[in-house]
Amino acid sequence: MLKRLRAVVACAVLGVAGLSDARAVGMTLPAPPAGPPAQVGGLRVCERGDTTYLLDNTGRVRSLTYARLVPDNRLWVQQSYDRAGRLTGLSVSWSGFAGRLLDVRGSFDTRGRLVRESGFRARGVTTPLRSYLRAVPRGLTC
């Protein structure tokens, strides 16, 4: 009986994973192929710790993304840069056990000054948008 129960559970798990073929029971999935860094829209993807960078063909950072994910709290930040390497935009999404706290986008001028902010801030969330910025490391290579 226990053997049959294990087989039923295995089939159910594989069915949820999209591997409902009867031959898939006990099957191990192949390892992902190793190769050069991934490409997204002509940009190279580079990961350092909890930060993901998108670099153009000249090696300049065009996007920086980081996230802090804990069971009851989620912070996701994306910074975007122009071809000259200047900050142009910032998106911050922060939610906690009480729901959405912050979902804001900011636009910056060529001098790096915040010129426009739009989106949602929960009552009492007054943290300046600039406080979520991370510095781009010099000479980042992937």
N, C-alpha and C. Protein backbone atom coordinates (compact mmCIF):
# COMPACT_ATOMS: atom_id res chain seq x y z
N MET A 1 0.83 -1.19 0.00
CA MET A 1 0.00 0.00 0.00
C MET A 1 0.88 1.26 0.00
N LEU A 2 1.94 1.27 0.83
CA LEU A 2 2.83 2.42 0.90
C LEU A 2 3.54 2.64 -0.43
N LYS A 3 3.91 1.56 -1.10
CA LYS A 3 4.57 1.65 -2.40
C LYS A 3 3.64 2.30 -3.43
N ARG A 4 2.38 1.92 -3.41
CA ARG A 4 1.40 2.49 -4.34
C ARG A 4 1.17 3.97 -4.03
N LEU A 5 1.11 4.32 -2.74
CA LEU A 5 0.93 5.71 -2.33
C LEU A 5 2.09 6.56 -2.83
N ARG A 6 3.32 6.07 -2.70
CA ARG A 6 4.49 6.80 -3.20
C ARG A 6 4.40 7.02 -4.71
N ALA A 7 3.97 6.01 -5.43
CA ALA A 7 3.85 6.12 -6.89
C ALA A 7 2.80 7.15 -7.27
N VAL A 8 1.67 7.17 -6.54
CA VAL A 8 0.61 8.14 -6.81
C VAL A 8 1.11 9.55 -6.52
N VAL A 9 1.80 9.74 -5.40
CA VAL A 9 2.34 11.06 -5.05
C VAL A 9 3.36 11.50 -6.09
N ALA A 10 4.24 10.59 -6.53
CA ALA A 10 5.24 10.92 -7.55
C ALA A 10 4.57 11.35 -8.84
N CYS A 11 3.53 10.65 -9.25
CA CYS A 11 2.82 11.01 -10.47
C CYS A 11 2.14 12.36 -10.33
N ALA A 12 1.58 12.63 -9.16
CA ALA A 12 0.92 13.91 -8.92
C ALA A 12 1.93 15.05 -8.98
N VAL A 13 3.08 14.87 -8.36
CA VAL A 13 4.12 15.91 -8.37
C VAL A 13 4.61 16.13 -9.79
N LEU A 14 4.87 15.06 -10.53
CA LEU A 14 5.33 15.19 -11.90
C LEU A 14 4.26 15.79 -12.79
N GLY A 15 3.00 15.50 -12.51
CA GLY A 15 1.91 16.09 -13.28
C GLY A 15 1.86 17.59 -13.09
N VAL A 16 2.07 18.06 -11.86
CA VAL A 16 2.09 19.49 -11.57
C VAL A 16 3.28 20.14 -12.26
N ALA A 17 4.41 19.43 -12.31
CA ALA A 17 5.61 19.96 -12.94
C ALA A 17 5.56 19.87 -14.45
N GLY A 18 4.50 19.32 -15.01
CA GLY A 18 4.38 19.21 -16.45
C GLY A 18 5.03 17.97 -17.02
N LEU A 19 5.35 17.00 -16.17
CA LEU A 19 5.98 15.76 -16.62
C LEU A 19 5.06 14.60 -16.35
N SER A 20 3.86 14.66 -16.87
CA SER A 20 2.85 13.66 -16.53
C SER A 20 3.01 12.34 -17.27
N ASP A 21 3.97 12.24 -18.15
CA ASP A 21 4.20 10.99 -18.88
C ASP A 21 4.53 9.88 -17.88
N ALA A 22 3.94 8.72 -18.04
CA ALA A 22 4.14 7.60 -17.11
C ALA A 22 5.61 7.19 -17.06
N ARG A 23 6.34 7.40 -18.16
CA ARG A 23 7.76 7.03 -18.17
C ARG A 23 8.60 7.98 -17.33
N ALA A 24 8.04 9.12 -16.91
CA ALA A 24 8.81 10.12 -16.19
C ALA A 24 9.03 9.76 -14.73
N VAL A 25 8.33 8.77 -14.20
CA VAL A 25 8.49 8.40 -12.79
C VAL A 25 9.91 7.91 -12.58
N GLY A 26 10.60 8.50 -11.62
CA GLY A 26 11.97 8.13 -11.32
C GLY A 26 12.99 8.75 -12.26
N MET A 27 12.53 9.56 -13.19
CA MET A 27 13.42 10.18 -14.16
C MET A 27 14.12 11.39 -13.54
N THR A 28 15.39 11.59 -13.81
CA THR A 28 16.09 12.78 -13.36
C THR A 28 16.20 13.74 -14.53
N LEU A 29 16.06 15.00 -14.25
CA LEU A 29 16.12 16.01 -15.30
C LEU A 29 17.57 16.32 -15.64
N PRO A 30 17.86 16.62 -16.90
CA PRO A 30 19.24 16.94 -17.28
C PRO A 30 19.67 18.28 -16.70
N ALA A 31 20.97 18.43 -16.48
CA ALA A 31 21.52 19.68 -15.97
C ALA A 31 21.41 20.74 -17.07
N PRO A 32 21.23 22.01 -16.67
CA PRO A 32 21.18 23.06 -17.69
C PRO A 32 22.54 23.18 -18.38
N PRO A 33 22.54 23.55 -19.64
CA PRO A 33 23.81 23.63 -20.36
C PRO A 33 24.70 24.73 -19.82
N ALA A 34 26.00 24.44 -19.72
CA ALA A 34 26.96 25.45 -19.28
C ALA A 34 27.40 26.22 -20.51
N GLY A 35 27.65 27.48 -20.34
CA GLY A 35 28.07 28.27 -21.47
C GLY A 35 28.34 29.70 -21.06
N PRO A 36 28.44 30.58 -22.03
CA PRO A 36 28.71 31.98 -21.72
C PRO A 36 27.51 32.62 -21.02
N PRO A 37 27.70 33.80 -20.44
CA PRO A 37 26.59 34.48 -19.76
C PRO A 37 25.40 34.65 -20.69
N ALA A 38 24.23 34.66 -20.12
CA ALA A 38 22.99 34.80 -20.89
C ALA A 38 22.93 36.17 -21.55
N GLN A 39 22.16 36.25 -22.61
CA GLN A 39 21.94 37.50 -23.33
C GLN A 39 20.47 37.88 -23.23
N VAL A 40 20.20 39.15 -22.96
CA VAL A 40 18.83 39.65 -22.92
C VAL A 40 18.78 40.89 -23.80
N GLY A 41 18.13 40.78 -24.94
CA GLY A 41 18.00 41.93 -25.84
C GLY A 41 19.35 42.51 -26.24
N GLY A 42 20.35 41.66 -26.44
CA GLY A 42 21.68 42.14 -26.81
C GLY A 42 22.52 42.57 -25.63
N LEU A 43 21.99 42.46 -24.42
CA LEU A 43 22.74 42.83 -23.21
C LEU A 43 23.20 41.57 -22.49
N ARG A 44 24.41 41.61 -21.94
CA ARG A 44 24.93 40.47 -21.17
C ARG A 44 24.40 40.53 -19.75
N VAL A 45 24.05 39.38 -19.21
CA VAL A 45 23.57 39.27 -17.84
C VAL A 45 24.75 38.89 -16.96
N CYS A 46 24.94 39.63 -15.87
CA CYS A 46 26.04 39.39 -14.95
C CYS A 46 25.47 39.41 -13.53
N GLU A 47 25.72 38.37 -12.76
CA GLU A 47 25.22 38.31 -11.39
C GLU A 47 26.38 38.35 -10.41
N ARG A 48 26.27 39.23 -9.43
CA ARG A 48 27.24 39.35 -8.35
C ARG A 48 26.47 39.40 -7.03
N GLY A 49 26.53 38.32 -6.27
CA GLY A 49 25.77 38.25 -5.02
C GLY A 49 24.29 38.32 -5.31
N ASP A 50 23.59 39.24 -4.65
CA ASP A 50 22.15 39.37 -4.85
C ASP A 50 21.80 40.42 -5.90
N THR A 51 22.81 40.88 -6.66
CA THR A 51 22.60 41.93 -7.65
C THR A 51 22.80 41.37 -9.06
N THR A 52 21.89 41.74 -9.97
CA THR A 52 21.98 41.34 -11.37
C THR A 52 22.21 42.59 -12.21
N TYR A 53 23.22 42.54 -13.06
CA TYR A 53 23.56 43.65 -13.94
C TYR A 53 23.30 43.24 -15.39
N LEU A 54 22.84 44.19 -16.20
CA LEU A 54 22.77 44.01 -17.65
C LEU A 54 23.78 44.97 -18.24
N LEU A 55 24.74 44.43 -19.01
CA LEU A 55 25.80 45.23 -19.60
C LEU A 55 25.65 45.26 -21.12
N ASP A 56 25.93 46.42 -21.72
CA ASP A 56 25.87 46.50 -23.18
C ASP A 56 27.19 45.99 -23.76
N ASN A 57 27.33 46.07 -25.09
CA ASN A 57 28.52 45.51 -25.73
C ASN A 57 29.80 46.30 -25.44
N THR A 58 29.68 47.51 -24.89
CA THR A 58 30.86 48.28 -24.50
C THR A 58 31.24 48.03 -23.04
N GLY A 59 30.43 47.25 -22.33
CA GLY A 59 30.72 46.94 -20.94
C GLY A 59 30.07 47.88 -19.94
N ARG A 60 29.27 48.82 -20.42
CA ARG A 60 28.58 49.74 -19.51
C ARG A 60 27.33 49.08 -18.93
N VAL A 61 27.08 49.37 -17.67
CA VAL A 61 25.88 48.84 -17.01
C VAL A 61 24.68 49.62 -17.52
N ARG A 62 23.67 48.90 -18.01
CA ARG A 62 22.44 49.53 -18.49
C ARG A 62 21.30 49.31 -17.51
N SER A 63 21.42 48.28 -16.65
CA SER A 63 20.39 47.99 -15.66
C SER A 63 21.02 47.29 -14.47
N LEU A 64 20.54 47.61 -13.29
CA LEU A 64 20.98 46.97 -12.05
C LEU A 64 19.72 46.59 -11.29
N THR A 65 19.62 45.34 -10.89
CA THR A 65 18.44 44.86 -10.17
C THR A 65 18.87 44.09 -8.94
N TYR A 66 18.23 44.38 -7.82
CA TYR A 66 18.45 43.56 -6.63
C TYR A 66 17.14 43.37 -5.90
N ALA A 67 17.09 42.31 -5.12
CA ALA A 67 15.88 41.99 -4.38
C ALA A 67 16.26 41.43 -3.02
N ARG A 68 15.44 41.73 -2.05
CA ARG A 68 15.55 41.13 -0.72
C ARG A 68 14.23 40.42 -0.47
N LEU A 69 14.31 39.11 -0.39
CA LEU A 69 13.10 38.31 -0.24
C LEU A 69 13.17 37.52 1.05
N VAL A 70 12.31 37.84 1.98
CA VAL A 70 12.17 37.08 3.22
C VAL A 70 10.70 36.68 3.31
N PRO A 71 10.38 35.71 4.14
CA PRO A 71 9.00 35.20 4.13
C PRO A 71 7.88 36.24 4.19
N ASP A 72 8.03 37.27 5.00
CA ASP A 72 6.91 38.22 5.11
C ASP A 72 7.26 39.62 4.59
N ASN A 73 8.33 39.73 3.82
CA ASN A 73 8.78 41.03 3.38
C ASN A 73 9.51 40.87 2.04
N ARG A 74 9.16 41.69 1.05
CA ARG A 74 9.77 41.59 -0.27
C ARG A 74 10.11 42.98 -0.77
N LEU A 75 11.39 43.18 -1.12
CA LEU A 75 11.84 44.44 -1.69
C LEU A 75 12.49 44.13 -3.03
N TRP A 76 12.08 44.82 -4.09
CA TRP A 76 12.63 44.63 -5.42
C TRP A 76 12.96 46.01 -5.98
N VAL A 77 14.21 46.20 -6.43
CA VAL A 77 14.67 47.49 -6.92
C VAL A 77 15.32 47.31 -8.29
N GLN A 78 14.98 48.17 -9.25
CA GLN A 78 15.63 48.16 -10.55
C GLN A 78 16.05 49.58 -10.91
N GLN A 79 17.34 49.72 -11.24
CA GLN A 79 17.90 50.99 -11.67
C GLN A 79 18.23 50.88 -13.15
N SER A 80 17.93 51.92 -13.93
CA SER A 80 18.25 51.89 -15.36
C SER A 80 19.16 53.07 -15.70
N TYR A 81 20.03 52.82 -16.69
CA TYR A 81 21.05 53.79 -17.08
C TYR A 81 21.03 54.00 -18.58
N ASP A 82 21.45 55.20 -19.02
CA ASP A 82 21.53 55.47 -20.46
C ASP A 82 22.87 54.98 -21.01
N ARG A 83 23.11 55.22 -22.30
CA ARG A 83 24.34 54.73 -22.94
C ARG A 83 25.59 55.35 -22.36
N ALA A 84 25.46 56.54 -21.79
CA ALA A 84 26.62 57.22 -21.19
C ALA A 84 26.87 56.76 -19.76
N GLY A 85 26.00 55.90 -19.24
CA GLY A 85 26.18 55.40 -17.88
C GLY A 85 25.51 56.24 -16.81
N ARG A 86 24.65 57.17 -17.22
CA ARG A 86 23.95 58.03 -16.25
C ARG A 86 22.63 57.40 -15.83
N LEU A 87 22.30 57.53 -14.56
CA LEU A 87 21.05 57.01 -14.02
C LEU A 87 19.87 57.72 -14.68
N THR A 88 18.91 56.95 -15.20
CA THR A 88 17.73 57.54 -15.83
C THR A 88 16.44 57.18 -15.11
N GLY A 89 16.40 56.02 -14.46
CA GLY A 89 15.17 55.60 -13.81
C GLY A 89 15.40 54.67 -12.65
N LEU A 90 14.42 54.60 -11.77
CA LEU A 90 14.47 53.74 -10.60
C LEU A 90 13.06 53.25 -10.32
N SER A 91 12.92 51.95 -10.13
CA SER A 91 11.63 51.35 -9.75
C SER A 91 11.83 50.62 -8.44
N VAL A 92 10.94 50.86 -7.48
CA VAL A 92 11.02 50.21 -6.18
C VAL A 92 9.66 49.61 -5.86
N SER A 93 9.66 48.33 -5.51
CA SER A 93 8.45 47.64 -5.09
C SER A 93 8.74 46.98 -3.75
N TRP A 94 7.93 47.31 -2.75
CA TRP A 94 8.16 46.80 -1.41
C TRP A 94 6.82 46.38 -0.82
N SER A 95 6.74 45.15 -0.35
CA SER A 95 5.52 44.68 0.29
C SER A 95 5.89 43.93 1.56
N GLY A 96 4.98 43.93 2.50
CA GLY A 96 5.19 43.24 3.77
C GLY A 96 3.98 42.41 4.12
N PHE A 97 3.96 41.92 5.35
CA PHE A 97 2.84 41.07 5.78
C PHE A 97 1.52 41.82 5.75
N ALA A 98 1.57 43.15 5.83
CA ALA A 98 0.35 43.96 5.80
C ALA A 98 -0.08 44.32 4.39
N GLY A 99 0.69 43.91 3.39
CA GLY A 99 0.34 44.21 2.01
C GLY A 99 1.36 45.12 1.35
N ARG A 100 0.92 45.79 0.31
CA ARG A 100 1.80 46.65 -0.48
C ARG A 100 2.15 47.91 0.31
N LEU A 101 3.44 48.22 0.38
CA LEU A 101 3.90 49.40 1.09
C LEU A 101 4.40 50.48 0.14
N LEU A 102 5.05 50.05 -0.93
CA LEU A 102 5.66 51.00 -1.85
C LEU A 102 5.71 50.39 -3.25
N ASP A 103 5.27 51.15 -4.23
CA ASP A 103 5.36 50.74 -5.63
C ASP A 103 5.56 52.03 -6.42
N VAL A 104 6.82 52.47 -6.51
CA VAL A 104 7.13 53.81 -7.00
C VAL A 104 8.16 53.74 -8.12
N ARG A 105 8.02 54.66 -9.08
CA ARG A 105 8.99 54.83 -10.14
C ARG A 105 9.49 56.27 -10.11
N GLY A 106 10.79 56.42 -10.36
CA GLY A 106 11.38 57.75 -10.39
C GLY A 106 12.15 57.96 -11.68
N SER A 107 12.13 59.21 -12.17
CA SER A 107 12.91 59.58 -13.36
C SER A 107 13.95 60.60 -12.94
N PHE A 108 15.14 60.49 -13.54
CA PHE A 108 16.25 61.36 -13.18
C PHE A 108 16.71 62.13 -14.41
N ASP A 109 17.18 63.39 -14.19
CA ASP A 109 17.73 64.16 -15.31
C ASP A 109 19.19 63.78 -15.52
N THR A 110 19.86 64.45 -16.46
CA THR A 110 21.24 64.09 -16.80
C THR A 110 22.23 64.38 -15.67
N ARG A 111 21.83 65.19 -14.71
CA ARG A 111 22.69 65.47 -13.55
C ARG A 111 22.42 64.53 -12.38
N GLY A 112 21.49 63.60 -12.57
CA GLY A 112 21.19 62.64 -11.51
C GLY A 112 20.19 63.11 -10.49
N ARG A 113 19.48 64.20 -10.79
CA ARG A 113 18.48 64.72 -9.87
C ARG A 113 17.13 64.08 -10.16
N LEU A 114 16.41 63.72 -9.10
CA LEU A 114 15.08 63.16 -9.24
C LEU A 114 14.14 64.25 -9.75
N VAL A 115 13.53 64.04 -10.91
CA VAL A 115 12.66 65.06 -11.50
C VAL A 115 11.19 64.65 -11.46
N ARG A 116 10.93 63.35 -11.35
CA ARG A 116 9.54 62.90 -11.32
C ARG A 116 9.43 61.61 -10.53
N GLU A 117 8.41 61.54 -9.71
CA GLU A 117 8.13 60.32 -8.95
C GLU A 117 6.65 60.02 -9.10
N SER A 118 6.34 58.76 -9.39
CA SER A 118 4.93 58.39 -9.51
C SER A 118 4.74 57.00 -8.93
N GLY A 119 3.52 56.72 -8.52
CA GLY A 119 3.21 55.41 -7.99
C GLY A 119 2.53 55.48 -6.64
N PHE A 120 2.61 54.39 -5.90
CA PHE A 120 1.90 54.24 -4.63
C PHE A 120 2.86 54.21 -3.46
N ARG A 121 2.54 54.95 -2.41
CA ARG A 121 3.23 54.89 -1.11
C ARG A 121 2.17 54.70 -0.04
N ALA A 122 2.37 53.70 0.81
CA ALA A 122 1.45 53.51 1.92
C ALA A 122 1.64 54.66 2.92
N ARG A 123 0.62 54.91 3.70
CA ARG A 123 0.69 55.96 4.70
C ARG A 123 1.86 55.70 5.64
N GLY A 124 2.68 56.71 5.87
CA GLY A 124 3.81 56.59 6.78
C GLY A 124 5.11 56.14 6.12
N VAL A 125 5.06 55.72 4.86
CA VAL A 125 6.27 55.31 4.14
C VAL A 125 6.82 56.55 3.44
N THR A 126 7.82 57.17 4.05
CA THR A 126 8.36 58.43 3.54
C THR A 126 9.83 58.33 3.15
N THR A 127 10.37 57.13 3.11
CA THR A 127 11.78 56.94 2.77
C THR A 127 12.07 57.54 1.40
N PRO A 128 13.10 58.40 1.29
CA PRO A 128 13.43 58.97 -0.02
C PRO A 128 13.79 57.88 -1.02
N LEU A 129 13.39 58.07 -2.25
CA LEU A 129 13.65 57.09 -3.30
C LEU A 129 15.15 56.85 -3.49
N ARG A 130 15.96 57.89 -3.34
CA ARG A 130 17.41 57.76 -3.50
C ARG A 130 18.04 56.79 -2.51
N SER A 131 17.41 56.55 -1.38
CA SER A 131 18.00 55.66 -0.38
C SER A 131 18.03 54.20 -0.84
N TYR A 132 17.28 53.88 -1.89
CA TYR A 132 17.27 52.51 -2.41
C TYR A 132 18.33 52.28 -3.49
N LEU A 133 19.01 53.35 -3.91
CA LEU A 133 20.02 53.23 -4.96
C LEU A 133 21.25 52.46 -4.48
N ARG A 134 21.81 51.65 -5.38
CA ARG A 134 23.08 50.98 -5.15
C ARG A 134 24.08 51.53 -6.14
N ALA A 135 25.31 51.68 -5.69
CA ALA A 135 26.37 52.17 -6.58
C ALA A 135 26.75 51.08 -7.58
N VAL A 136 27.07 51.50 -8.78
CA VAL A 136 27.55 50.57 -9.81
C VAL A 136 29.05 50.41 -9.61
N PRO A 137 29.53 49.18 -9.45
CA PRO A 137 30.97 48.99 -9.24
C PRO A 137 31.77 49.36 -10.49
N ARG A 138 32.94 49.94 -10.27
CA ARG A 138 33.83 50.30 -11.37
C ARG A 138 34.47 49.05 -11.96
N GLY A 139 34.60 49.02 -13.26
CA GLY A 139 35.30 47.93 -13.93
C GLY A 139 34.64 46.57 -13.78
N LEU A 140 33.32 46.54 -13.76
CA LEU A 140 32.59 45.28 -13.64
C LEU A 140 32.83 44.43 -14.88
N THR A 141 33.30 43.20 -14.69
CA THR A 141 33.51 42.30 -15.82
C THR A 141 32.76 41.00 -15.57
N CYS A 142 32.31 40.40 -16.65
CA CYS A 142 31.58 39.13 -16.56
C CYS A 142 32.23 38.10 -17.44
